[in-house]
Amino acid sequence: MRKNPALNSIRMDKTAFSVSSLDDESDEKLYWLSKTPAERLYGVEIMRQMLYGYDPLTARLQRFFEIAELS
């Protein structure tokens, strides 16, 4: 399976770590609201590819057909 080249440039900073309560407000919403819609979609696509993988052969919609019988 080939990887998306954009995923090769993304690295996790393992030195940045914080612990907080689930009740604390996050600045994540403000971060994404400051981005353009195209940047938000790109972020969602990168997360999708990291979670489900990227295979250019299966990236297309699957075709199917159905035979209908005439009565």
C-alpha atoms as a PDB file:
ATOM      1  CA  MET A   1       0.000   0.000   0.000  1.00  0.00           C
ATOM      2  CA  ARG A   2       1.417   3.374  -1.019  1.00  0.00           C
ATOM      3  CA  LYS A   3       1.360   6.235   1.433  1.00  0.00           C
ATOM      4  CA  ASN A   4       0.249   9.767   0.745  1.00  0.00           C
ATOM      5  CA  PRO A   5       3.399  11.947   0.473  1.00  0.00           C
ATOM      6  CA  ALA A   6       1.770  14.569   2.712  1.00  0.00           C
ATOM      7  CA  LEU A   7       1.676  12.046   5.558  1.00  0.00           C
ATOM      8  CA  ASN A   8       5.458  11.603   5.374  1.00  0.00           C
ATOM      9  CA  SER A   9       6.028  15.236   6.339  1.00  0.00           C
ATOM     10  CA  ILE A  10       3.777  15.097   9.420  1.00  0.00           C
ATOM     11  CA  ARG A  11       5.529  14.270  12.662  1.00  0.00           C
ATOM     12  CA  MET A  12       4.223  14.133  16.203  1.00  0.00           C
ATOM     13  CA  ASP A  13       6.036  16.296  18.741  1.00  0.00           C
ATOM     14  CA  LYS A  14       6.450  13.858  21.626  1.00  0.00           C
ATOM     15  CA  THR A  15       7.876  16.564  23.900  1.00  0.00           C
ATOM     16  CA  ALA A  16       4.624  18.562  23.869  1.00  0.00           C
ATOM     17  CA  PHE A  17       2.340  16.930  26.398  1.00  0.00           C
ATOM     18  CA  SER A  18      -0.251  18.286  28.769  1.00  0.00           C
ATOM     19  CA  VAL A  19      -2.836  16.820  31.087  1.00  0.00           C
ATOM     20  CA  SER A  20      -6.142  18.560  31.613  1.00  0.00           C
ATOM     21  CA  SER A  21      -9.627  17.861  32.816  1.00  0.00           C
ATOM     22  CA  LEU A  22     -12.440  17.115  30.396  1.00  0.00           C
ATOM     23  CA  ASP A  23     -14.278  20.051  31.977  1.00  0.00           C
ATOM     24  CA  ASP A  24     -11.563  22.530  30.918  1.00  0.00           C
ATOM     25  CA  GLU A  25     -12.267  24.571  27.800  1.00  0.00           C
ATOM     26  CA  SER A  26     -10.038  23.773  24.862  1.00  0.00           C
ATOM     27  CA  ASP A  27      -8.591  26.253  22.393  1.00  0.00           C
ATOM     28  CA  GLU A  28      -8.952  23.632  19.657  1.00  0.00           C
ATOM     29  CA  LYS A  29     -12.288  25.046  18.476  1.00  0.00           C
ATOM     30  CA  LEU A  30     -10.814  28.544  18.146  1.00  0.00           C
ATOM     31  CA  TYR A  31      -7.849  27.110  16.247  1.00  0.00           C
ATOM     32  CA  TRP A  32     -10.035  25.414  13.638  1.00  0.00           C
ATOM     33  CA  LEU A  33     -12.364  28.409  13.354  1.00  0.00           C
ATOM     34  CA  SER A  34      -9.329  30.533  12.479  1.00  0.00           C
ATOM     35  CA  LYS A  35      -8.583  28.267   9.481  1.00  0.00           C
ATOM     36  CA  THR A  36     -10.133  28.534   6.034  1.00  0.00           C
ATOM     37  CA  PRO A  37     -12.664  25.885   4.965  1.00  0.00           C
ATOM     38  CA  ALA A  38     -10.059  24.388   2.606  1.00  0.00           C
ATOM     39  CA  GLU A  39      -7.538  24.065   5.467  1.00  0.00           C
ATOM     40  CA  ARG A  40     -10.194  22.414   7.644  1.00  0.00           C
ATOM     41  CA  LEU A  41     -11.009  19.871   4.935  1.00  0.00           C
ATOM     42  CA  TYR A  42      -7.310  19.166   4.461  1.00  0.00           C
ATOM     43  CA  GLY A  43      -6.990  18.561   8.219  1.00  0.00           C
ATOM     44  CA  VAL A  44      -9.936  16.159   8.200  1.00  0.00           C
ATOM     45  CA  GLU A  45      -8.494  14.317   5.196  1.00  0.00           C
ATOM     46  CA  ILE A  46      -5.086  13.924   6.864  1.00  0.00           C
ATOM     47  CA  MET A  47      -6.731  12.535  10.017  1.00  0.00           C
ATOM     48  CA  ARG A  48      -8.863  10.160   7.906  1.00  0.00           C
ATOM     49  CA  GLN A  49      -5.799   8.878   6.063  1.00  0.00           C
ATOM     50  CA  MET A  50      -3.891   8.395   9.317  1.00  0.00           C
ATOM     51  CA  LEU A  51      -6.783   6.415  10.790  1.00  0.00           C
ATOM     52  CA  TYR A  52      -7.875   4.342   7.786  1.00  0.00           C
ATOM     53  CA  GLY A  53      -4.761   4.385   5.614  1.00  0.00           C
ATOM     54  CA  TYR A  54      -4.356   5.603   2.068  1.00  0.00           C
ATOM     55  CA  ASP A  55      -4.541   3.408  -1.002  1.00  0.00           C
ATOM     56  CA  PRO A  56      -4.827   5.281  -4.317  1.00  0.00           C
ATOM     57  CA  LEU A  57      -6.258   2.183  -5.993  1.00  0.00           C
ATOM     58  CA  THR A  58      -9.265   2.137  -3.670  1.00  0.00           C
ATOM     59  CA  ALA A  59      -9.615   5.900  -3.275  1.00  0.00           C
ATOM     60  CA  ARG A  60     -12.287   5.982  -5.966  1.00  0.00           C
ATOM     61  CA  LEU A  61     -15.937   5.231  -5.446  1.00  0.00           C
ATOM     62  CA  GLN A  62     -16.730   1.594  -6.019  1.00  0.00           C
ATOM     63  CA  ARG A  63     -18.790   0.887  -9.110  1.00  0.00           C
ATOM     64  CA  PHE A  64     -21.625  -1.574  -9.085  1.00  0.00           C
ATOM     65  CA  PHE A  65     -24.519  -2.466 -11.292  1.00  0.00           C
ATOM     66  CA  GLU A  66     -27.792  -4.236 -10.838  1.00  0.00           C
ATOM     67  CA  ILE A  67     -29.816  -6.209 -13.338  1.00  0.00           C
ATOM     68  CA  ALA A  68     -33.517  -5.433 -13.244  1.00  0.00           C
ATOM     69  CA  GLU A  69     -35.962  -7.983 -14.549  1.00  0.00           C
ATOM     70  CA  LEU A  70     -38.831  -6.716 -16.648  1.00  0.00           C
ATOM     71  CA  SER A  71     -42.153  -8.256 -15.718  1.00  0.00           C
END
